[in-house]
């Protein structure tokens, strides 16, 4: 795999940091998560990773972390600015300077924060909704009943603008290291990351007359819920269908199929029915939306799925997560990284062979691989026990070591 042989140290965190590590692990990197003693874990993004418990409050614990990072290719720092420096694990320790040689001058030091590292919000706490608010993306979301923009789940900032952008930065840094031989610092923040992945929408918003978004208020334009031919509709029985027939030829395919599939005697405002030519007339949009709403309610999601299956109508059902997993014929949480195929057509990354997800193994037990990882790092049993007795591996490991005084 592309990242085979790349060693990654990931400090335990939530959402963006673990996702960056997951992207790297899915592509072959050896990812070690650093867990704090007695912290527990709710991280579900642990596929392909191993865990070690290290107490950074102890001197020997900090020394251990320093040594682990010194032998790694990548470290993922998910903390607020300054935390790693207080632990004596800042970039300068590993990169060195004009007078001092660093411990690992080829290290890729990847840092993810919410707000930009410079600016008025630098030291503030925040979450996805706050980051997309400052990015400009939230203001363009369709409005809710109160007129305020609706926010998506924490996908845009945490994962797309945070974890994925950080992983991209790591890959770029690895390429640069291959050229220069020197390590790099990757600075990712979720405000700029969310703004970057929203580039298409933001640029259309500043155009004098955007063909996609126009200049109407959010919720009145083509891709933000205003167009009836780019929306979600409720079906009989509670299921939902998506309609996304933006191009005229696809709109025609949808209208033709939809009108023919309506039940005999379907009545709407004296028999009015939209034609393929009605798409560009925004004055017709409110009536068209009502027509689609009433029409979809005449039958079930399964019925409409069959109507549009195999056509260019751009109309497909909204699948629940278990349904989507079954439809994709893979595990519920497969490795959907990009496929890289050799010139001979062989897929370097074959699809997952797992057909069922063992939910008992989603959460990675903190410290599960502590001894294994320390042994791989070259420590002897005596050295590992010494670390445990000093509290570097947490109090539980210390108690266990004390129960057997022989070193």
Protein backbone atom coordinates (compact mmCIF):
# COMPACT_ATOMS: atom_id res chain seq x y z
CA UNK A 1 0.00 0.00 0.00
CA UNK A 2 1.09 3.56 -0.65
CA UNK A 3 2.03 4.40 2.96
CA UNK A 4 3.46 1.03 3.98
CA UNK A 5 6.46 1.59 6.24
CA UNK A 6 5.33 5.04 7.37
CA UNK A 7 5.15 5.25 11.18
CA UNK A 8 2.57 7.64 12.64
CA UNK A 9 2.15 8.78 16.24
CA UNK A 10 -1.40 10.03 16.84
CA UNK A 11 -2.22 11.68 20.14
CA UNK A 12 -5.73 10.67 21.20
CA UNK A 13 -8.39 13.22 20.40
CA UNK A 14 -11.86 13.51 18.89
CA UNK A 15 -13.01 13.66 15.27
CA UNK A 16 -10.42 15.47 13.08
CA UNK A 17 -7.19 14.04 14.54
CA UNK A 18 -8.41 10.43 14.58
CA UNK A 19 -9.85 10.83 11.07
CA UNK A 20 -6.51 12.06 9.74
CA UNK A 21 -4.90 9.01 11.35
CA UNK A 22 -7.59 6.75 9.87
CA UNK A 23 -6.91 8.04 6.35
CA UNK A 24 -3.21 7.28 6.80
CA UNK A 25 -3.86 3.86 8.38
CA UNK A 26 -6.29 2.86 5.62
CA UNK A 27 -3.51 3.50 3.12
CA UNK A 28 -0.94 1.34 4.86
CA UNK A 29 0.66 3.54 7.54
CA UNK A 30 1.42 2.05 10.96
CA UNK A 31 -0.55 4.30 13.32
CA UNK A 32 0.01 4.29 17.09
CA UNK A 33 -2.49 6.16 19.24
CA UNK A 34 -1.14 7.71 22.43
CA UNK A 35 -3.76 7.39 25.21
CA UNK A 36 -3.69 9.00 28.63
CA UNK A 37 -4.06 6.83 31.73
CA UNK A 38 -7.66 6.29 32.90
CA UNK A 39 -9.02 8.51 30.13
CA UNK A 40 -11.20 5.89 28.46
CA UNK A 41 -12.11 6.31 24.83
CA UNK A 42 -15.15 7.05 22.69
CA UNK A 43 -13.12 7.11 19.48
CA UNK A 44 -14.64 4.95 16.74
CA UNK A 45 -12.08 5.93 14.09
CA UNK A 46 -9.59 3.27 15.15
CA UNK A 47 -9.48 0.89 12.21
CA UNK A 48 -5.96 -0.42 11.66
CA UNK A 49 -4.49 1.40 14.68
CA UNK A 50 -2.77 0.31 17.87
CA UNK A 51 -2.83 1.96 21.30
CA UNK A 52 -0.27 2.63 24.00
CA UNK A 53 -0.88 4.34 27.35
CA UNK A 54 1.69 6.95 28.34
CA UNK A 55 1.46 9.34 31.29
CA UNK A 56 2.94 12.61 30.05
CA UNK A 57 2.86 14.02 33.58
CA UNK A 58 5.83 11.85 34.51
CA UNK A 59 9.39 12.61 33.45
CA UNK A 60 9.94 9.11 32.10
CA UNK A 61 6.60 9.30 30.27
CA UNK A 62 7.66 12.47 28.47
CA UNK A 63 11.01 10.88 27.66
CA UNK A 64 9.20 7.88 26.20
CA UNK A 65 6.98 10.10 24.05
CA UNK A 66 10.02 12.01 22.86
CA UNK A 67 11.70 8.77 21.84
CA UNK A 68 8.61 7.43 20.09
CA UNK A 69 8.23 10.61 18.04
CA UNK A 70 11.97 10.68 17.33
CA UNK A 71 11.63 7.33 15.54
CA UNK A 72 8.37 8.17 13.70
CA UNK A 73 7.68 9.66 10.28
CA UNK A 74 4.57 11.59 11.31
CA UNK A 75 3.10 12.94 14.53
CA UNK A 76 -0.50 14.20 14.72
CA UNK A 77 -1.01 16.94 17.32
CA UNK A 78 -4.75 17.56 18.00
CA UNK A 79 -4.28 19.90 20.97
CA UNK A 80 -4.73 23.62 21.48
CA UNK A 81 -1.70 25.76 20.58
CA UNK A 82 1.08 25.44 23.14
CA UNK A 83 0.14 22.11 24.74
CA UNK A 84 2.85 20.08 23.02
CA UNK A 85 5.44 22.77 23.78
CA UNK A 86 4.57 22.60 27.50
CA UNK A 87 5.24 18.87 27.37
CA UNK A 88 8.63 19.48 25.81
CA UNK A 89 7.43 17.94 22.55
CA UNK A 90 7.23 21.00 20.32
CA UNK A 91 8.57 20.99 16.74
CA UNK A 92 11.83 22.70 17.68
CA UNK A 93 12.91 19.65 19.73
CA UNK A 94 12.76 17.45 16.67
CA UNK A 95 13.81 19.87 13.93
CA UNK A 96 16.61 21.60 15.84
CA UNK A 97 18.06 24.96 14.88
CA UNK A 98 21.28 26.54 13.65
CA UNK A 99 23.08 25.57 16.86
CA UNK A 100 21.41 22.31 17.88
CA UNK A 101 20.68 19.15 15.93
CA UNK A 102 17.09 17.98 16.23
CA UNK A 103 15.97 14.54 17.36
CA UNK A 104 14.15 13.81 14.09
CA UNK A 105 14.77 16.29 11.31
CA UNK A 106 12.73 14.22 8.83
CA UNK A 107 9.58 14.35 10.96
CA UNK A 108 6.23 15.48 9.54
CA UNK A 109 4.69 17.45 12.41
CA UNK A 110 0.95 17.73 11.69
CA UNK A 111 -1.14 20.06 13.83
CA UNK A 112 -4.93 20.45 13.78
CA UNK A 113 -6.69 23.29 15.55
CA UNK A 114 -10.18 24.76 15.28
CA UNK A 115 -9.55 28.47 14.88
CA UNK A 116 -6.51 29.85 13.00
CA UNK A 117 -3.33 29.89 15.07
CA UNK A 118 -3.08 33.64 14.60
CA UNK A 119 -6.09 35.90 15.07
CA UNK A 120 -8.68 36.95 17.64
CA UNK A 121 -10.11 33.47 18.19
CA UNK A 122 -6.77 31.69 18.66
CA UNK A 123 -7.25 30.65 22.30
CA UNK A 124 -11.03 30.18 22.27
CA UNK A 125 -12.85 26.87 22.60
CA UNK A 126 -15.06 25.89 19.68
CA UNK A 127 -16.73 23.16 17.66
CA UNK A 128 -17.69 22.45 14.06
CA UNK A 129 -20.67 24.82 14.07
CA UNK A 130 -18.41 27.69 15.21
CA UNK A 131 -15.74 26.99 12.60
CA UNK A 132 -18.16 26.87 9.66
CA UNK A 133 -19.74 30.08 10.96
CA UNK A 134 -16.43 31.93 10.55
CA UNK A 135 -15.63 30.22 7.25
CA UNK A 136 -18.55 31.83 5.44
CA UNK A 137 -20.04 28.45 4.56
CA UNK A 138 -22.77 28.41 7.21
CA UNK A 139 -24.30 31.66 5.96
CA UNK A 140 -25.04 30.00 2.62
CA UNK A 141 -26.88 26.99 4.07
CA UNK A 142 -30.65 26.74 3.52
CA UNK A 143 -32.62 28.52 6.25
CA UNK A 144 -34.76 26.82 8.85
CA UNK A 145 -38.21 27.96 10.02
CA UNK A 146 -36.74 30.89 11.98
CA UNK A 147 -34.75 32.12 9.00
CA UNK A 148 -31.41 31.13 10.54
CA UNK A 149 -29.23 28.88 8.37
CA UNK A 150 -29.48 25.17 9.08
CA UNK A 151 -26.17 23.56 9.99
CA UNK A 152 -25.03 20.15 8.76
CA UNK A 153 -23.70 17.49 11.07
CA UNK A 154 -20.05 17.90 12.03
CA UNK A 155 -18.80 16.75 8.64
CA UNK A 156 -17.81 20.00 6.97
CA UNK A 157 -15.28 21.35 9.50
CA UNK A 158 -14.28 18.38 11.65
CA UNK A 159 -13.78 15.86 8.88
CA UNK A 160 -13.59 17.54 5.46
CA UNK A 161 -11.93 20.77 6.57
CA UNK A 162 -10.01 19.28 9.50
CA UNK A 163 -9.04 15.61 9.34
CA UNK A 164 -9.02 15.23 5.57
CA UNK A 165 -7.14 18.49 4.99
CA UNK A 166 -4.59 17.46 7.62
CA UNK A 167 -4.10 14.08 5.94
CA UNK A 168 -3.67 15.86 2.61
CA UNK A 169 -1.07 18.12 4.22
CA UNK A 170 0.79 15.06 5.53
CA UNK A 171 0.89 13.52 2.06
CA UNK A 172 2.17 16.76 0.54
CA UNK A 173 4.79 17.03 3.28
CA UNK A 174 5.94 13.47 2.62
CA UNK A 175 6.39 14.34 -1.06
CA UNK A 176 8.40 17.45 -0.14
CA UNK A 177 10.49 15.43 2.32
CA UNK A 178 11.27 13.02 -0.50
CA UNK A 179 12.75 15.92 -2.43
CA UNK A 180 14.50 17.87 0.31
CA UNK A 181 15.15 15.18 2.89
CA UNK A 182 13.84 17.51 5.58
CA UNK A 183 10.76 17.36 7.77
CA UNK A 184 7.84 19.73 7.56
CA UNK A 185 5.20 21.30 9.82
CA UNK A 186 1.63 20.89 8.62
CA UNK A 187 -0.68 23.55 10.09
CA UNK A 188 -4.36 22.76 9.55
CA UNK A 189 -7.22 24.74 11.08
CA UNK A 190 -10.86 23.93 10.59
CA UNK A 191 -12.01 27.46 9.73
CA UNK A 192 -9.69 27.71 6.74
CA UNK A 193 -10.21 24.02 5.93
CA UNK A 194 -14.00 24.40 5.80
CA UNK A 195 -13.58 27.49 3.66
CA UNK A 196 -11.22 25.66 1.31
CA UNK A 197 -13.60 22.75 0.69
CA UNK A 198 -16.35 25.36 0.11
CA UNK A 199 -14.32 27.11 -2.61
CA UNK A 200 -16.76 26.30 -5.41
CA UNK A 201 -19.74 27.70 -3.53
CA UNK A 202 -17.91 30.75 -2.22
CA UNK A 203 -16.58 31.75 -5.64
CA UNK A 204 -20.03 31.44 -7.17
CA UNK A 205 -21.36 33.60 -4.37
CA UNK A 206 -19.07 36.52 -5.28
CA UNK A 207 -19.73 36.36 -9.03
CA UNK A 208 -21.91 39.25 -10.26
CA UNK A 209 -24.44 36.85 -11.78
CA UNK A 210 -23.71 33.28 -10.78
CA UNK A 211 -25.42 30.71 -13.02
CA UNK A 212 -25.55 28.33 -10.04
CA UNK A 213 -26.45 30.40 -7.00
CA UNK A 214 -27.62 33.72 -8.39
CA UNK A 215 -27.92 36.51 -5.86
CA UNK A 216 -31.03 35.41 -4.05
CA UNK A 217 -31.27 34.77 -0.34
CA UNK A 218 -30.10 31.36 0.90
CA UNK A 219 -32.77 28.79 0.20
CA UNK A 220 -33.96 30.44 -3.03
CA UNK A 221 -31.19 29.39 -5.42
CA UNK A 222 -30.48 26.32 -7.50
CA UNK A 223 -28.30 24.26 -5.13
CA UNK A 224 -29.39 25.47 -1.70
CA UNK A 225 -32.93 24.16 -1.62
CA UNK A 226 -34.61 26.79 -3.74
CA UNK A 227 -34.98 24.75 -6.92
CA UNK A 228 -37.71 22.09 -6.80
CA UNK A 229 -35.64 19.89 -9.13
CA UNK A 230 -32.78 19.76 -6.58
CA UNK A 231 -34.47 18.73 -3.38
CA UNK A 232 -35.69 15.91 -1.13
CA UNK A 233 -39.29 14.71 -1.11
CA UNK A 234 -41.36 12.63 1.31
CA UNK A 235 -43.03 9.52 -0.03
CA UNK A 236 -46.07 7.58 1.11
CA UNK A 237 -45.16 5.66 4.23
CA UNK A 238 -42.41 8.06 5.30
CA UNK A 239 -39.51 7.25 2.97
CA UNK A 240 -37.69 9.94 1.01
CA UNK A 241 -36.50 10.49 -2.57
CA UNK A 242 -33.81 12.86 -3.80
CA UNK A 243 -34.19 14.76 -7.05
CA UNK A 244 -31.13 16.37 -8.64
CA UNK A 245 -31.94 16.83 -12.33
CA UNK A 246 -30.09 20.10 -12.95
CA UNK A 247 -29.33 19.74 -16.67
CA UNK A 248 -32.26 20.22 -19.09
CA UNK A 249 -31.96 16.72 -20.57
CA UNK A 250 -32.04 15.16 -17.10
CA UNK A 251 -34.94 17.36 -16.05
CA UNK A 252 -36.86 16.20 -19.12
CA UNK A 253 -36.11 12.57 -18.27
CA UNK A 254 -37.40 13.15 -14.73
CA UNK A 255 -40.57 15.01 -15.73
CA UNK A 256 -41.49 12.43 -18.36
CA UNK A 257 -41.08 9.53 -15.95
CA UNK A 258 -42.69 11.31 -13.01
CA UNK A 259 -45.80 12.40 -14.91
CA UNK A 260 -46.35 8.92 -16.38
CA UNK A 261 -45.92 7.25 -12.99
CA UNK A 262 -48.55 9.34 -11.20
CA UNK A 263 -51.78 7.47 -10.46
CA UNK A 264 -54.71 7.77 -12.81
CA UNK A 265 -56.85 10.72 -11.82
CA UNK A 266 -54.05 12.60 -10.03
CA UNK A 267 -55.39 16.13 -9.67
CA UNK A 268 -53.35 19.30 -9.21
CA UNK A 269 -54.71 22.82 -9.77
CA UNK A 270 -57.08 22.12 -12.65
CA UNK A 271 -54.83 19.51 -14.23
CA UNK A 272 -51.64 21.65 -14.38
CA UNK A 273 -48.49 19.67 -15.01
CA UNK A 274 -44.94 20.98 -15.46
CA UNK A 275 -43.29 20.56 -18.84
CA UNK A 276 -39.58 20.23 -19.61
CA UNK A 277 -39.57 23.89 -20.64
CA UNK A 278 -40.69 25.04 -17.16
CA UNK A 279 -37.34 24.40 -15.49
CA UNK A 280 -35.78 27.81 -16.19
CA UNK A 281 -38.83 29.81 -15.14
CA UNK A 282 -38.24 30.60 -11.45
CA UNK A 283 -41.79 31.97 -11.20
CA UNK A 284 -43.01 28.40 -11.68
CA UNK A 285 -40.79 26.92 -8.97
CA UNK A 286 -43.24 27.27 -6.02
CA UNK A 287 -46.03 25.59 -7.97
CA UNK A 288 -43.65 22.94 -9.29
CA UNK A 289 -42.45 22.12 -5.77
CA UNK A 290 -46.03 21.66 -4.56
CA UNK A 291 -46.72 19.42 -7.54
CA UNK A 292 -43.70 17.23 -6.74
CA UNK A 293 -44.56 17.12 -3.04
CA UNK A 294 -48.11 15.98 -3.72
CA UNK A 295 -47.01 13.57 -6.43
CA UNK A 296 -44.36 11.77 -4.38
CA UNK A 297 -46.86 11.28 -1.56
CA UNK A 298 -49.04 9.16 -3.84
CA UNK A 299 -46.71 6.20 -3.57
CA UNK A 300 -43.87 4.64 -1.59
CA UNK A 301 -40.15 5.16 -1.80
CA UNK A 302 -39.78 1.66 -3.23
CA UNK A 303 -42.26 2.45 -5.99
CA UNK A 304 -40.45 5.64 -7.00
CA UNK A 305 -37.09 3.89 -6.80
CA UNK A 306 -38.31 1.38 -9.39
CA UNK A 307 -39.71 4.16 -11.57
CA UNK A 308 -36.40 5.98 -11.88
CA UNK A 309 -33.97 3.06 -11.65
CA UNK A 310 -31.67 2.87 -14.67
CA UNK A 311 -32.76 6.26 -16.06
CA UNK A 312 -31.09 9.67 -16.39
CA UNK A 313 -33.70 11.31 -14.16
CA UNK A 314 -31.17 11.85 -11.32
CA UNK A 315 -33.69 10.60 -8.77
CA UNK A 316 -32.62 8.05 -6.15
CA UNK A 317 -33.88 7.00 -2.71
CA UNK A 318 -32.52 8.24 0.62
CA UNK A 319 -31.04 5.09 2.15
CA UNK A 320 -30.64 4.56 5.86
CA UNK A 321 -27.06 3.65 6.91
CA UNK A 322 -27.70 -0.13 7.11
CA UNK A 323 -29.41 -0.04 3.70
CA UNK A 324 -26.52 1.90 2.19
CA UNK A 325 -24.02 -0.62 3.57
CA UNK A 326 -25.97 -3.51 2.05
CA UNK A 327 -26.34 -1.72 -1.28
CA UNK A 328 -22.59 -1.10 -1.46
CA UNK A 329 -21.93 -4.80 -0.80
CA UNK A 330 -19.23 -4.11 1.73
CA UNK A 331 -18.79 -3.70 5.44
CA UNK A 332 -20.76 -0.92 7.19
CA UNK A 333 -17.52 1.05 7.64
CA UNK A 334 -15.35 0.08 4.65
CA UNK A 335 -12.03 1.54 3.58
CA UNK A 336 -13.28 3.94 0.91
CA UNK A 337 -9.97 5.56 0.14
CA UNK A 338 -9.26 6.30 -3.53
CA UNK A 339 -8.46 3.25 -5.61
CA UNK A 340 -4.97 3.19 -7.08
CA UNK A 341 -4.70 0.82 -10.03
CA UNK A 342 -1.46 -0.21 -11.73
CA UNK A 343 -1.11 0.08 -15.50
CA UNK A 344 -1.86 -3.66 -15.77
CA UNK A 345 -5.25 -3.05 -14.18
CA UNK A 346 -4.53 -4.72 -10.85
CA UNK A 347 -6.12 -2.94 -7.89
CA UNK A 348 -3.49 -2.27 -5.22
CA UNK A 349 -6.24 -1.77 -2.66
CA UNK A 350 -8.78 -4.59 -3.02
CA UNK A 351 -12.19 -3.96 -1.41
CA UNK A 352 -12.64 -5.06 2.16
CA UNK A 353 -13.42 -8.76 2.58
CA UNK A 354 -15.36 -8.05 5.78
CA UNK A 355 -19.09 -8.51 5.28
CA UNK A 356 -20.11 -7.73 8.83
CA UNK A 357 -18.86 -5.17 11.30
CA UNK A 358 -17.96 -6.46 14.75
CA UNK A 359 -19.32 -3.58 16.82
CA UNK A 360 -17.52 -4.88 19.89
CA UNK A 361 -14.24 -3.97 18.22
CA UNK A 362 -15.08 -0.46 17.03
CA UNK A 363 -13.70 1.17 20.17
CA UNK A 364 -9.96 0.58 20.56
CA UNK A 365 -9.14 -0.29 24.16
CA UNK A 366 -6.59 2.24 25.45
CA UNK A 367 -3.22 0.62 26.05
CA UNK A 368 -4.12 -2.64 24.35
CA UNK A 369 -0.79 -2.78 22.52
CA UNK A 370 1.48 -1.08 25.07
CA UNK A 371 3.90 -3.96 25.66
CA UNK A 372 3.87 -4.98 22.00
CA UNK A 373 4.75 -1.48 20.83
CA UNK A 374 7.47 -0.98 23.42
CA UNK A 375 9.05 -4.29 22.47
CA UNK A 376 8.97 -3.27 18.81
CA UNK A 377 10.67 -0.03 19.82
CA UNK A 378 13.58 -2.09 21.12
CA UNK A 379 12.93 -1.95 24.87
CA UNK A 380 13.79 -4.98 26.95
CA UNK A 381 11.43 -6.52 29.50
CA UNK A 382 13.55 -4.91 32.23
CA UNK A 383 13.23 -1.46 30.63
CA UNK A 384 9.49 -1.85 30.14
CA UNK A 385 9.03 -2.83 33.77
CA UNK A 386 11.14 0.13 34.88
CA UNK A 387 8.87 2.46 32.91
CA UNK A 388 5.83 0.84 34.51
CA UNK A 389 7.26 1.20 38.03
CA UNK A 390 7.99 4.88 37.38
CA UNK A 391 4.35 5.43 36.42
CA UNK A 392 5.10 6.25 32.79
CA UNK A 393 2.56 3.67 31.58
CA UNK A 394 -0.21 4.61 34.01
CA UNK A 395 -1.16 3.54 37.51
CA UNK A 396 -2.65 0.19 36.50
CA UNK A 397 0.60 -0.84 34.86
CA UNK A 398 2.46 0.45 37.91
CA UNK A 399 0.37 -1.73 40.24
CA UNK A 400 0.94 -4.76 38.06
CA UNK A 401 4.69 -4.16 37.99
CA UNK A 402 4.83 -3.75 41.77
CA UNK A 403 3.11 -7.09 42.27
CA UNK A 404 6.22 -8.73 40.85
CA UNK A 405 9.32 -7.07 42.31
CA UNK A 406 11.73 -9.12 40.22
CA UNK A 407 13.09 -7.01 37.36
